């Protein structure tokens, strides 16, 4: 089951990261995934999946956003995305 409202919110955050170029790894990841042949939409969805995972851990652990950890996970895409699906 897909929560379309939550998905739209996460996609808005990804769009904002891209527009603001903050963190820089988001735009670099988008370009890298597109160069690998993924559509822009699929690439953004993969980035969004990492983002929502990071939000979950921030809330669970009551901690702050860790840009380094986020960028490290983005660098593992697309393999990280498909590994989570299995």
C-alpha atoms as a PDB file:
ATOM      1  CA  UNK A   1       0.000   0.000   0.000  1.00  0.00           C
ATOM      2  CA  UNK A   2       1.336   3.412  -0.980  1.00  0.00           C
ATOM      3  CA  UNK A   3       0.677   6.531   1.054  1.00  0.00           C
ATOM      4  CA  UNK A   4       0.461   9.062  -1.774  1.00  0.00           C
ATOM      5  CA  UNK A   5       0.373  12.075   0.523  1.00  0.00           C
ATOM      6  CA  UNK A   6       3.590  11.009   2.260  1.00  0.00           C
ATOM      7  CA  UNK A   7       5.227  10.208  -1.079  1.00  0.00           C
ATOM      8  CA  UNK A   8       4.332  13.674  -2.400  1.00  0.00           C
ATOM      9  CA  UNK A   9       5.828  15.308   0.690  1.00  0.00           C
ATOM     10  CA  UNK A  10       9.061  13.332   0.376  1.00  0.00           C
ATOM     11  CA  UNK A  11       9.294  14.180  -3.327  1.00  0.00           C
ATOM     12  CA  UNK A  12       8.843  17.859  -2.410  1.00  0.00           C
ATOM     13  CA  UNK A  13      11.772  17.607  -0.006  1.00  0.00           C
ATOM     14  CA  UNK A  14      13.922  15.994  -2.721  1.00  0.00           C
ATOM     15  CA  UNK A  15      12.919  18.779  -5.129  1.00  0.00           C
ATOM     16  CA  UNK A  16      13.842  21.400  -2.539  1.00  0.00           C
ATOM     17  CA  UNK A  17      17.220  19.759  -1.963  1.00  0.00           C
ATOM     18  CA  UNK A  18      17.843  19.869  -5.708  1.00  0.00           C
ATOM     19  CA  UNK A  19      16.729  23.502  -6.088  1.00  0.00           C
ATOM     20  CA  UNK A  20      18.794  24.659  -3.136  1.00  0.00           C
ATOM     21  CA  UNK A  21      21.702  22.347  -3.997  1.00  0.00           C
ATOM     22  CA  UNK A  22      21.819  21.380  -0.337  1.00  0.00           C
ATOM     23  CA  UNK A  23      23.115  18.866   0.332  1.00  0.00           C
ATOM     24  CA  UNK A  24      25.212  18.841  -2.819  1.00  0.00           C
ATOM     25  CA  UNK A  25      25.260  15.052  -2.903  1.00  0.00           C
ATOM     26  CA  UNK A  26      21.556  14.998  -3.835  1.00  0.00           C
ATOM     27  CA  UNK A  27      22.088  16.699  -7.194  1.00  0.00           C
ATOM     28  CA  UNK A  28      25.251  14.679  -7.837  1.00  0.00           C
ATOM     29  CA  UNK A  29      23.339  11.477  -7.125  1.00  0.00           C
ATOM     30  CA  UNK A  30      20.497  12.487  -9.433  1.00  0.00           C
ATOM     31  CA  UNK A  31      22.945  13.155 -12.276  1.00  0.00           C
ATOM     32  CA  UNK A  32      24.803   9.895 -11.633  1.00  0.00           C
ATOM     33  CA  UNK A  33      21.616   7.821 -11.640  1.00  0.00           C
ATOM     34  CA  UNK A  34      20.369   9.497 -14.807  1.00  0.00           C
ATOM     35  CA  UNK A  35      23.739   8.774 -16.459  1.00  0.00           C
ATOM     36  CA  UNK A  36      23.235   5.119 -15.503  1.00  0.00           C
ATOM     37  CA  UNK A  37      20.011   5.172 -17.510  1.00  0.00           C
ATOM     38  CA  UNK A  38      17.382   5.672 -14.820  1.00  0.00           C
ATOM     39  CA  UNK A  39      14.587   8.138 -15.486  1.00  0.00           C
ATOM     40  CA  UNK A  40      14.545  11.383 -13.544  1.00  0.00           C
ATOM     41  CA  UNK A  41      11.412  10.247 -11.685  1.00  0.00           C
ATOM     42  CA  UNK A  42      12.879   6.850 -10.721  1.00  0.00           C
ATOM     43  CA  UNK A  43      16.120   8.520  -9.652  1.00  0.00           C
ATOM     44  CA  UNK A  44      14.227  10.933  -7.406  1.00  0.00           C
ATOM     45  CA  UNK A  45      12.214   8.060  -5.940  1.00  0.00           C
ATOM     46  CA  UNK A  46      15.421   6.221  -5.065  1.00  0.00           C
ATOM     47  CA  UNK A  47      16.782   9.368  -3.403  1.00  0.00           C
ATOM     48  CA  UNK A  48      13.456   9.749  -1.594  1.00  0.00           C
ATOM     49  CA  UNK A  49      13.674   6.198  -0.263  1.00  0.00           C
ATOM     50  CA  UNK A  50      17.005   7.018   1.372  1.00  0.00           C
ATOM     51  CA  UNK A  51      15.591  10.285   2.699  1.00  0.00           C
ATOM     52  CA  UNK A  52      12.595   8.639   4.334  1.00  0.00           C
ATOM     53  CA  UNK A  53      14.858   6.042   5.912  1.00  0.00           C
ATOM     54  CA  UNK A  54      16.993   8.830   7.367  1.00  0.00           C
ATOM     55  CA  UNK A  55      13.903  10.638   8.682  1.00  0.00           C
ATOM     56  CA  UNK A  56      12.798   7.410  10.366  1.00  0.00           C
ATOM     57  CA  UNK A  57      16.141   7.045  12.164  1.00  0.00           C
ATOM     58  CA  UNK A  58      16.181  10.712  13.181  1.00  0.00           C
ATOM     59  CA  UNK A  59      12.782  10.300  14.816  1.00  0.00           C
ATOM     60  CA  UNK A  60      13.552   6.905  16.326  1.00  0.00           C
ATOM     61  CA  UNK A  61      16.942   7.840  17.753  1.00  0.00           C
ATOM     62  CA  UNK A  62      15.969  11.448  18.557  1.00  0.00           C
ATOM     63  CA  UNK A  63      19.075  12.692  16.806  1.00  0.00           C
ATOM     64  CA  UNK A  64      20.008  15.312  14.223  1.00  0.00           C
ATOM     65  CA  UNK A  65      20.312  14.976  10.472  1.00  0.00           C
ATOM     66  CA  UNK A  66      23.686  13.487   9.570  1.00  0.00           C
ATOM     67  CA  UNK A  67      24.569  14.789   6.118  1.00  0.00           C
ATOM     68  CA  UNK A  68      27.639  12.561   5.836  1.00  0.00           C
ATOM     69  CA  UNK A  69      25.608   9.407   6.537  1.00  0.00           C
ATOM     70  CA  UNK A  70      22.896  10.533   4.108  1.00  0.00           C
ATOM     71  CA  UNK A  71      25.439  11.181   1.353  1.00  0.00           C
ATOM     72  CA  UNK A  72      27.115   7.830   1.983  1.00  0.00           C
ATOM     73  CA  UNK A  73      23.803   6.041   1.495  1.00  0.00           C
ATOM     74  CA  UNK A  74      23.069   8.042  -1.648  1.00  0.00           C
ATOM     75  CA  UNK A  75      26.460   6.984  -3.012  1.00  0.00           C
ATOM     76  CA  UNK A  76      25.329   3.346  -2.724  1.00  0.00           C
ATOM     77  CA  UNK A  77      22.385   3.888  -5.089  1.00  0.00           C
ATOM     78  CA  UNK A  78      21.055   2.151  -7.109  1.00  0.00           C
ATOM     79  CA  UNK A  79      22.287  -1.066  -5.445  1.00  0.00           C
ATOM     80  CA  UNK A  80      21.179   0.061  -1.978  1.00  0.00           C
ATOM     81  CA  UNK A  81      17.642   0.722  -3.252  1.00  0.00           C
ATOM     82  CA  UNK A  82      17.230  -2.667  -4.906  1.00  0.00           C
ATOM     83  CA  UNK A  83      18.861  -4.530  -2.026  1.00  0.00           C
ATOM     84  CA  UNK A  84      16.238  -3.089   0.348  1.00  0.00           C
ATOM     85  CA  UNK A  85      13.477  -4.329  -1.956  1.00  0.00           C
ATOM     86  CA  UNK A  86      14.577  -7.972  -1.686  1.00  0.00           C
END
